[in-house]
């Protein structure tokens, strides 16, 4: 039977979004509980990357429901991104892209993934549901993502026609070094991409942008990807509260 590990990307205490920190904390607990329910005996790694550290009590509770908390909150890059960002999407994407490869590398270096067959990335505050199918991952050597979707961004901005949802996706543990390397390559690519300006349909000069959904489509090798219509994930967008069912 496949042994799973979930890396939970988390930002519990933050000034961003419509949910207060207490609600975000409870939503994150729900994430962990859903993993224990629908993927029992999985390892859970929390990648905490808000600019405000967890309290002692939060650390105690989340630590009791996980194998490890990788704490990036006081890292100078996380603090810098939080101080400089004026947009939640930019903050979230730059922070995750910066912290994710280091988290994978730490897990590999400490042998946390030694007995793991598949690694999942799940966004904190979102929960697995009854549609999460463990059988999908048995003897599967593909990177598994949600459905390929037309880009939400103007092509002139993203220069990519499609995107993959990034709230839940996974890869065989044997690909972990490659995934970390891919994220390290994404960062300078995104920085360079942001330097480009374009003229909108209204004649306004805007800064080009692409988020992690577009970057996944841009960087993942399509020959190694399996795109599925339903992954089994519920939650709400942090900035609007919109219900999400992936």
C-alpha atoms as a PDB file:
ATOM      1  CA  UNK A   1       0.000   0.000   0.000  1.00  0.00           C
ATOM      2  CA  UNK A   2       1.239   3.467  -0.928  1.00  0.00           C
ATOM      3  CA  UNK A   3       2.619   5.526   1.971  1.00  0.00           C
ATOM      4  CA  UNK A   4       1.651   9.203   1.723  1.00  0.00           C
ATOM      5  CA  UNK A   5       3.030  12.492   3.033  1.00  0.00           C
ATOM      6  CA  UNK A   6       1.215  15.823   2.908  1.00  0.00           C
ATOM      7  CA  UNK A   7       3.059  19.149   2.933  1.00  0.00           C
ATOM      8  CA  UNK A   8       0.556  21.687   4.238  1.00  0.00           C
ATOM      9  CA  UNK A   9       1.382  25.211   3.075  1.00  0.00           C
ATOM     10  CA  UNK A  10       0.152  27.412   5.889  1.00  0.00           C
ATOM     11  CA  UNK A  11      -0.114  31.064   6.919  1.00  0.00           C
ATOM     12  CA  UNK A  12      -2.103  31.063  10.133  1.00  0.00           C
ATOM     13  CA  UNK A  13      -1.374  34.520  11.564  1.00  0.00           C
ATOM     14  CA  UNK A  14      -1.558  37.122   8.842  1.00  0.00           C
ATOM     15  CA  UNK A  15      -2.978  40.553   8.125  1.00  0.00           C
ATOM     16  CA  UNK A  16      -4.168  39.361   4.702  1.00  0.00           C
ATOM     17  CA  UNK A  17      -7.551  37.949   3.671  1.00  0.00           C
ATOM     18  CA  UNK A  18     -11.073  38.116   5.050  1.00  0.00           C
ATOM     19  CA  UNK A  19     -10.618  35.533   7.822  1.00  0.00           C
ATOM     20  CA  UNK A  20      -9.168  36.491  11.202  1.00  0.00           C
ATOM     21  CA  UNK A  21      -6.297  34.513  12.678  1.00  0.00           C
ATOM     22  CA  UNK A  22      -8.493  32.505  15.035  1.00  0.00           C
ATOM     23  CA  UNK A  23     -10.629  31.334  12.111  1.00  0.00           C
ATOM     24  CA  UNK A  24      -7.563  30.531  10.014  1.00  0.00           C
ATOM     25  CA  UNK A  25      -6.166  28.473  12.895  1.00  0.00           C
ATOM     26  CA  UNK A  26      -9.407  26.467  13.173  1.00  0.00           C
ATOM     27  CA  UNK A  27      -9.489  25.990   9.383  1.00  0.00           C
ATOM     28  CA  UNK A  28      -5.913  24.678   9.486  1.00  0.00           C
ATOM     29  CA  UNK A  29      -6.873  22.181  12.190  1.00  0.00           C
ATOM     30  CA  UNK A  30      -9.692  21.067   9.887  1.00  0.00           C
ATOM     31  CA  UNK A  31      -7.105  20.514   7.126  1.00  0.00           C
ATOM     32  CA  UNK A  32      -5.039  18.234   9.356  1.00  0.00           C
ATOM     33  CA  UNK A  33      -8.081  16.354  10.655  1.00  0.00           C
ATOM     34  CA  UNK A  34      -9.279  15.737   7.085  1.00  0.00           C
ATOM     35  CA  UNK A  35      -5.920  14.207   6.155  1.00  0.00           C
ATOM     36  CA  UNK A  36      -6.094  11.880   9.162  1.00  0.00           C
ATOM     37  CA  UNK A  37      -9.636  10.920   8.140  1.00  0.00           C
ATOM     38  CA  UNK A  38      -9.270  10.408   4.389  1.00  0.00           C
ATOM     39  CA  UNK A  39      -5.568   9.451   4.176  1.00  0.00           C
ATOM     40  CA  UNK A  40      -4.943   7.686   7.498  1.00  0.00           C
ATOM     41  CA  UNK A  41      -1.378   6.944   8.594  1.00  0.00           C
ATOM     42  CA  UNK A  42       0.006   9.655   6.330  1.00  0.00           C
ATOM     43  CA  UNK A  43       2.883  11.847   7.423  1.00  0.00           C
ATOM     44  CA  UNK A  44       2.062  15.544   7.709  1.00  0.00           C
ATOM     45  CA  UNK A  45       4.577  18.379   7.343  1.00  0.00           C
ATOM     46  CA  UNK A  46       3.368  21.927   8.017  1.00  0.00           C
ATOM     47  CA  UNK A  47       5.192  24.643   6.083  1.00  0.00           C
ATOM     48  CA  UNK A  48       4.332  27.706   8.148  1.00  0.00           C
ATOM     49  CA  UNK A  49       5.208  30.871   6.262  1.00  0.00           C
ATOM     50  CA  UNK A  50       3.104  33.730   7.606  1.00  0.00           C
ATOM     51  CA  UNK A  51       5.081  36.780   8.695  1.00  0.00           C
ATOM     52  CA  UNK A  52       3.625  36.536  12.232  1.00  0.00           C
ATOM     53  CA  UNK A  53       4.899  33.499  14.199  1.00  0.00           C
ATOM     54  CA  UNK A  54       2.632  30.854  15.661  1.00  0.00           C
ATOM     55  CA  UNK A  55       1.832  31.239  19.330  1.00  0.00           C
ATOM     56  CA  UNK A  56       3.079  28.613  21.768  1.00  0.00           C
ATOM     57  CA  UNK A  57      -0.437  27.186  22.000  1.00  0.00           C
ATOM     58  CA  UNK A  58      -0.889  27.087  18.209  1.00  0.00           C
ATOM     59  CA  UNK A  59       2.451  25.317  17.857  1.00  0.00           C
ATOM     60  CA  UNK A  60       1.428  22.784  20.509  1.00  0.00           C
ATOM     61  CA  UNK A  61      -1.917  22.010  18.849  1.00  0.00           C
ATOM     62  CA  UNK A  62      -0.652  21.864  15.255  1.00  0.00           C
ATOM     63  CA  UNK A  63       2.461  19.951  16.293  1.00  0.00           C
ATOM     64  CA  UNK A  64       0.279  17.331  17.969  1.00  0.00           C
ATOM     65  CA  UNK A  65      -1.525  16.695  14.691  1.00  0.00           C
ATOM     66  CA  UNK A  66       1.562  16.622  12.443  1.00  0.00           C
ATOM     67  CA  UNK A  67       5.029  15.112  12.198  1.00  0.00           C
ATOM     68  CA  UNK A  68       6.919  18.381  11.747  1.00  0.00           C
ATOM     69  CA  UNK A  69       6.414  22.127  11.505  1.00  0.00           C
ATOM     70  CA  UNK A  70       8.925  23.799   9.181  1.00  0.00           C
ATOM     71  CA  UNK A  71       8.777  27.361  10.470  1.00  0.00           C
ATOM     72  CA  UNK A  72       9.663  30.106   7.971  1.00  0.00           C
ATOM     73  CA  UNK A  73       7.918  32.953   9.801  1.00  0.00           C
ATOM     74  CA  UNK A  74      11.041  34.815  10.912  1.00  0.00           C
ATOM     75  CA  UNK A  75      13.027  34.193   7.737  1.00  0.00           C
ATOM     76  CA  UNK A  76      14.194  37.476   6.242  1.00  0.00           C
ATOM     77  CA  UNK A  77      12.744  36.627   2.801  1.00  0.00           C
ATOM     78  CA  UNK A  78       9.282  35.985   4.240  1.00  0.00           C
ATOM     79  CA  UNK A  79       9.442  39.221   6.218  1.00  0.00           C
ATOM     80  CA  UNK A  80      10.643  41.155   3.164  1.00  0.00           C
ATOM     81  CA  UNK A  81       7.898  39.806   0.886  1.00  0.00           C
ATOM     82  CA  UNK A  82       5.269  40.610   3.513  1.00  0.00           C
ATOM     83  CA  UNK A  83       6.579  44.158   3.968  1.00  0.00           C
ATOM     84  CA  UNK A  84       6.825  44.899   0.247  1.00  0.00           C
ATOM     85  CA  UNK A  85       3.665  43.233  -1.112  1.00  0.00           C
ATOM     86  CA  UNK A  86       0.530  45.226  -1.804  1.00  0.00           C
ATOM     87  CA  UNK A  87      -1.428  42.328  -3.294  1.00  0.00           C
ATOM     88  CA  UNK A  88      -2.385  39.084  -1.549  1.00  0.00           C
ATOM     89  CA  UNK A  89      -1.908  36.931  -4.651  1.00  0.00           C
ATOM     90  CA  UNK A  90       1.617  38.230  -5.205  1.00  0.00           C
ATOM     91  CA  UNK A  91       2.438  37.765  -1.508  1.00  0.00           C
ATOM     92  CA  UNK A  92       1.104  34.193  -1.451  1.00  0.00           C
ATOM     93  CA  UNK A  93       2.809  33.083  -4.649  1.00  0.00           C
ATOM     94  CA  UNK A  94       6.229  34.597  -3.985  1.00  0.00           C
ATOM     95  CA  UNK A  95       6.231  33.287  -0.410  1.00  0.00           C
ATOM     96  CA  UNK A  96       5.261  29.738  -1.406  1.00  0.00           C
ATOM     97  CA  UNK A  97       7.744  29.618  -4.281  1.00  0.00           C
ATOM     98  CA  UNK A  98      10.546  30.784  -1.975  1.00  0.00           C
ATOM     99  CA  UNK A  99       9.778  28.403   0.914  1.00  0.00           C
ATOM    100  CA  UNK A 100       8.600  25.253  -0.843  1.00  0.00           C
ATOM    101  CA  UNK A 101      11.905  23.953  -2.272  1.00  0.00           C
ATOM    102  CA  UNK A 102      13.701  24.447   1.040  1.00  0.00           C
ATOM    103  CA  UNK A 103      10.950  22.526   2.829  1.00  0.00           C
ATOM    104  CA  UNK A 104      11.263  19.593   0.414  1.00  0.00           C
ATOM    105  CA  UNK A 105      15.054  19.629   0.721  1.00  0.00           C
ATOM    106  CA  UNK A 106      14.800  19.638   4.533  1.00  0.00           C
ATOM    107  CA  UNK A 107      12.430  16.659   4.476  1.00  0.00           C
ATOM    108  CA  UNK A 108      14.805  14.754   2.192  1.00  0.00           C
ATOM    109  CA  UNK A 109      17.894  15.615   4.249  1.00  0.00           C
ATOM    110  CA  UNK A 110      16.275  14.454   7.505  1.00  0.00           C
ATOM    111  CA  UNK A 111      14.937  11.214   5.984  1.00  0.00           C
ATOM    112  CA  UNK A 112      11.324  12.179   6.685  1.00  0.00           C
ATOM    113  CA  UNK A 113      10.424  10.950   3.217  1.00  0.00           C
ATOM    114  CA  UNK A 114      12.523   7.792   3.400  1.00  0.00           C
ATOM    115  CA  UNK A 115       9.514   5.464   3.782  1.00  0.00           C
ATOM    116  CA  UNK A 116       7.112   7.641   1.753  1.00  0.00           C
ATOM    117  CA  UNK A 117       5.938   6.745  -1.761  1.00  0.00           C
ATOM    118  CA  UNK A 118       4.013   9.901  -2.673  1.00  0.00           C
ATOM    119  CA  UNK A 119       4.154  13.529  -1.542  1.00  0.00           C
ATOM    120  CA  UNK A 120       1.102  15.786  -1.722  1.00  0.00           C
ATOM    121  CA  UNK A 121       1.024  19.541  -1.492  1.00  0.00           C
ATOM    122  CA  UNK A 122      -2.199  20.771   0.103  1.00  0.00           C
ATOM    123  CA  UNK A 123      -3.025  24.380   0.882  1.00  0.00           C
ATOM    124  CA  UNK A 124      -3.802  25.001   4.524  1.00  0.00           C
ATOM    125  CA  UNK A 125      -7.439  25.830   5.391  1.00  0.00           C
ATOM    126  CA  UNK A 126      -8.659  23.469   2.653  1.00  0.00           C
ATOM    127  CA  UNK A 127      -9.919  19.985   3.513  1.00  0.00           C
ATOM    128  CA  UNK A 128      -9.941  16.602   1.848  1.00  0.00           C
ATOM    129  CA  UNK A 129     -13.437  15.204   1.321  1.00  0.00           C
ATOM    130  CA  UNK A 130     -15.116  11.908   0.472  1.00  0.00           C
ATOM    131  CA  UNK A 131     -14.077  12.249  -3.177  1.00  0.00           C
ATOM    132  CA  UNK A 132     -10.379  11.975  -2.302  1.00  0.00           C
ATOM    133  CA  UNK A 133      -9.494   8.584  -3.770  1.00  0.00           C
ATOM    134  CA  UNK A 134      -6.423   6.813  -2.417  1.00  0.00           C
ATOM    135  CA  UNK A 135      -6.710   4.181  -5.162  1.00  0.00           C
ATOM    136  CA  UNK A 136      -5.851   6.861  -7.735  1.00  0.00           C
ATOM    137  CA  UNK A 137      -2.316   6.963  -6.346  1.00  0.00           C
ATOM    138  CA  UNK A 138      -1.597   3.232  -6.082  1.00  0.00           C
ATOM    139  CA  UNK A 139       1.332   2.222  -8.332  1.00  0.00           C
ATOM    140  CA  UNK A 140       1.049   5.570 -10.076  1.00  0.00           C
ATOM    141  CA  UNK A 141       4.314   7.215 -11.142  1.00  0.00           C
ATOM    142  CA  UNK A 142       2.716  10.356 -12.549  1.00  0.00           C
ATOM    143  CA  UNK A 143       2.522  13.882 -11.138  1.00  0.00           C
ATOM    144  CA  UNK A 144      -1.197  14.158 -10.369  1.00  0.00           C
ATOM    145  CA  UNK A 145      -2.909  17.528 -10.699  1.00  0.00           C
ATOM    146  CA  UNK A 146      -6.431  18.830 -11.094  1.00  0.00           C
ATOM    147  CA  UNK A 147      -8.050  19.640 -14.438  1.00  0.00           C
ATOM    148  CA  UNK A 148      -6.260  21.803 -16.995  1.00  0.00           C
ATOM    149  CA  UNK A 149      -8.235  25.041 -17.228  1.00  0.00           C
ATOM    150  CA  UNK A 150      -8.152  28.071 -19.517  1.00  0.00           C
ATOM    151  CA  UNK A 151      -6.122  30.903 -17.999  1.00  0.00           C
ATOM    152  CA  UNK A 152      -7.981  33.429 -15.848  1.00  0.00           C
ATOM    153  CA  UNK A 153      -5.399  36.049 -16.799  1.00  0.00           C
ATOM    154  CA  UNK A 154      -5.051  37.934 -20.084  1.00  0.00           C
ATOM    155  CA  UNK A 155      -2.621  36.101 -22.345  1.00  0.00           C
ATOM    156  CA  UNK A 156      -0.685  39.323 -22.858  1.00  0.00           C
ATOM    157  CA  UNK A 157       0.034  39.299 -19.107  1.00  0.00           C
ATOM    158  CA  UNK A 158       0.654  35.608 -18.319  1.00  0.00           C
ATOM    159  CA  UNK A 159       1.854  34.439 -21.770  1.00  0.00           C
ATOM    160  CA  UNK A 160       0.361  31.048 -20.842  1.00  0.00           C
ATOM    161  CA  UNK A 161      -2.984  29.829 -22.171  1.00  0.00           C
ATOM    162  CA  UNK A 162      -3.769  27.299 -19.428  1.00  0.00           C
ATOM    163  CA  UNK A 163      -3.290  26.667 -15.726  1.00  0.00           C
ATOM    164  CA  UNK A 164      -3.432  23.832 -13.184  1.00  0.00           C
ATOM    165  CA  UNK A 165      -5.115  24.319  -9.784  1.00  0.00           C
ATOM    166  CA  UNK A 166      -2.421  24.215  -7.116  1.00  0.00           C
ATOM    167  CA  UNK A 167      -4.364  23.757  -3.883  1.00  0.00           C
ATOM    168  CA  UNK A 168      -3.842  19.985  -4.059  1.00  0.00           C
ATOM    169  CA  UNK A 169      -1.366  18.153  -6.271  1.00  0.00           C
ATOM    170  CA  UNK A 170       1.200  15.405  -5.780  1.00  0.00           C
ATOM    171  CA  UNK A 171       4.204  13.548  -7.118  1.00  0.00           C
ATOM    172  CA  UNK A 172       6.097  10.274  -6.491  1.00  0.00           C
ATOM    173  CA  UNK A 173       8.687  10.769  -3.759  1.00  0.00           C
ATOM    174  CA  UNK A 174      11.407   9.796  -6.241  1.00  0.00           C
ATOM    175  CA  UNK A 175      10.700  13.066  -8.073  1.00  0.00           C
ATOM    176  CA  UNK A 176      11.118  15.268  -4.985  1.00  0.00           C
ATOM    177  CA  UNK A 177      14.551  16.601  -5.925  1.00  0.00           C
ATOM    178  CA  UNK A 178      13.223  17.478  -9.374  1.00  0.00           C
ATOM    179  CA  UNK A 179      10.211  19.278  -7.870  1.00  0.00           C
ATOM    180  CA  UNK A 180      12.468  21.321  -5.570  1.00  0.00           C
ATOM    181  CA  UNK A 181      14.707  22.167  -8.530  1.00  0.00           C
ATOM    182  CA  UNK A 182      11.669  23.219 -10.563  1.00  0.00           C
ATOM    183  CA  UNK A 183      10.576  25.671  -7.852  1.00  0.00           C
ATOM    184  CA  UNK A 184      14.090  27.091  -7.637  1.00  0.00           C
ATOM    185  CA  UNK A 185      13.884  27.721 -11.389  1.00  0.00           C
ATOM    186  CA  UNK A 186      10.419  29.268 -11.108  1.00  0.00           C
ATOM    187  CA  UNK A 187      11.598  32.092  -8.869  1.00  0.00           C
ATOM    188  CA  UNK A 188      14.030  33.889 -11.223  1.00  0.00           C
ATOM    189  CA  UNK A 189      11.635  33.188 -14.105  1.00  0.00           C
ATOM    190  CA  UNK A 190       8.780  34.917 -12.257  1.00  0.00           C
ATOM    191  CA  UNK A 191      10.973  37.848 -11.198  1.00  0.00           C
ATOM    192  CA  UNK A 192      12.039  38.344 -14.822  1.00  0.00           C
ATOM    193  CA  UNK A 193       8.455  37.968 -16.030  1.00  0.00           C
ATOM    194  CA  UNK A 194       7.305  40.683 -13.615  1.00  0.00           C
ATOM    195  CA  UNK A 195       9.736  43.157 -15.183  1.00  0.00           C
ATOM    196  CA  UNK A 196       7.728  43.155 -18.405  1.00  0.00           C
ATOM    197  CA  UNK A 197       5.066  45.822 -18.999  1.00  0.00           C
ATOM    198  CA  UNK A 198       2.092  45.587 -21.298  1.00  0.00           C
ATOM    199  CA  UNK A 199      -0.778  47.814 -22.431  1.00  0.00           C
ATOM    200  CA  UNK A 200      -4.246  46.693 -21.378  1.00  0.00           C
ATOM    201  CA  UNK A 201      -7.375  46.918 -23.526  1.00  0.00           C
ATOM    202  CA  UNK A 202      -8.183  50.213 -21.793  1.00  0.00           C
ATOM    203  CA  UNK A 203      -4.778  51.645 -22.687  1.00  0.00           C
ATOM    204  CA  UNK A 204      -3.351  51.346 -19.184  1.00  0.00           C
ATOM    205  CA  UNK A 205       0.263  50.264 -18.710  1.00  0.00           C
ATOM    206  CA  UNK A 206       0.347  47.250 -16.395  1.00  0.00           C
ATOM    207  CA  UNK A 207       2.976  44.956 -14.927  1.00  0.00           C
ATOM    208  CA  UNK A 208       2.928  41.407 -16.297  1.00  0.00           C
ATOM    209  CA  UNK A 209       1.963  38.664 -13.862  1.00  0.00           C
ATOM    210  CA  UNK A 210       1.512  34.912 -13.604  1.00  0.00           C
ATOM    211  CA  UNK A 211       0.667  32.955 -10.473  1.00  0.00           C
ATOM    212  CA  UNK A 212       1.624  29.482  -9.317  1.00  0.00           C
ATOM    213  CA  UNK A 213      -1.256  27.899 -11.227  1.00  0.00           C
ATOM    214  CA  UNK A 214       0.210  29.214 -14.484  1.00  0.00           C
ATOM    215  CA  UNK A 215       3.766  28.406 -13.452  1.00  0.00           C
ATOM    216  CA  UNK A 216       2.843  24.773 -12.812  1.00  0.00           C
ATOM    217  CA  UNK A 217       1.436  24.528 -16.311  1.00  0.00           C
ATOM    218  CA  UNK A 218       4.490  26.286 -17.719  1.00  0.00           C
ATOM    219  CA  UNK A 219       7.088  24.136 -15.889  1.00  0.00           C
ATOM    220  CA  UNK A 220       5.615  20.652 -15.452  1.00  0.00           C
ATOM    221  CA  UNK A 221       6.566  18.114 -18.100  1.00  0.00           C
ATOM    222  CA  UNK A 222       3.234  17.133 -19.720  1.00  0.00           C
ATOM    223  CA  UNK A 223       4.554  13.617 -20.332  1.00  0.00           C
ATOM    224  CA  UNK A 224       4.846  13.136 -16.566  1.00  0.00           C
ATOM    225  CA  UNK A 225       1.484  14.674 -15.640  1.00  0.00           C
ATOM    226  CA  UNK A 226      -1.898  13.061 -15.074  1.00  0.00           C
ATOM    227  CA  UNK A 227      -4.698  15.625 -14.933  1.00  0.00           C
ATOM    228  CA  UNK A 228      -7.900  14.466 -13.219  1.00  0.00           C
ATOM    229  CA  UNK A 229     -11.296  16.133 -13.079  1.00  0.00           C
ATOM    230  CA  UNK A 230     -11.891  15.732  -9.327  1.00  0.00           C
ATOM    231  CA  UNK A 231      -9.264  15.506  -6.574  1.00  0.00           C
ATOM    232  CA  UNK A 232     -11.522  15.703  -3.524  1.00  0.00           C
ATOM    233  CA  UNK A 233     -10.894  19.078  -1.873  1.00  0.00           C
ATOM    234  CA  UNK A 234     -13.160  21.711  -0.289  1.00  0.00           C
ATOM    235  CA  UNK A 235     -12.491  25.189   1.035  1.00  0.00           C
ATOM    236  CA  UNK A 236     -12.929  28.911   0.658  1.00  0.00           C
ATOM    237  CA  UNK A 237     -10.748  31.524  -1.005  1.00  0.00           C
ATOM    238  CA  UNK A 238      -9.154  33.683   1.658  1.00  0.00           C
ATOM    239  CA  UNK A 239      -9.792  37.025  -0.026  1.00  0.00           C
ATOM    240  CA  UNK A 240     -13.449  36.532  -1.105  1.00  0.00           C
ATOM    241  CA  UNK A 241     -14.771  33.517   0.800  1.00  0.00           C
ATOM    242  CA  UNK A 242     -15.805  31.883  -2.491  1.00  0.00           C
ATOM    243  CA  UNK A 243     -16.484  28.153  -2.091  1.00  0.00           C
ATOM    244  CA  UNK A 244     -13.980  25.906  -3.850  1.00  0.00           C
ATOM    245  CA  UNK A 245     -14.520  22.257  -4.807  1.00  0.00           C
ATOM    246  CA  UNK A 246     -11.520  20.756  -6.596  1.00  0.00           C
END
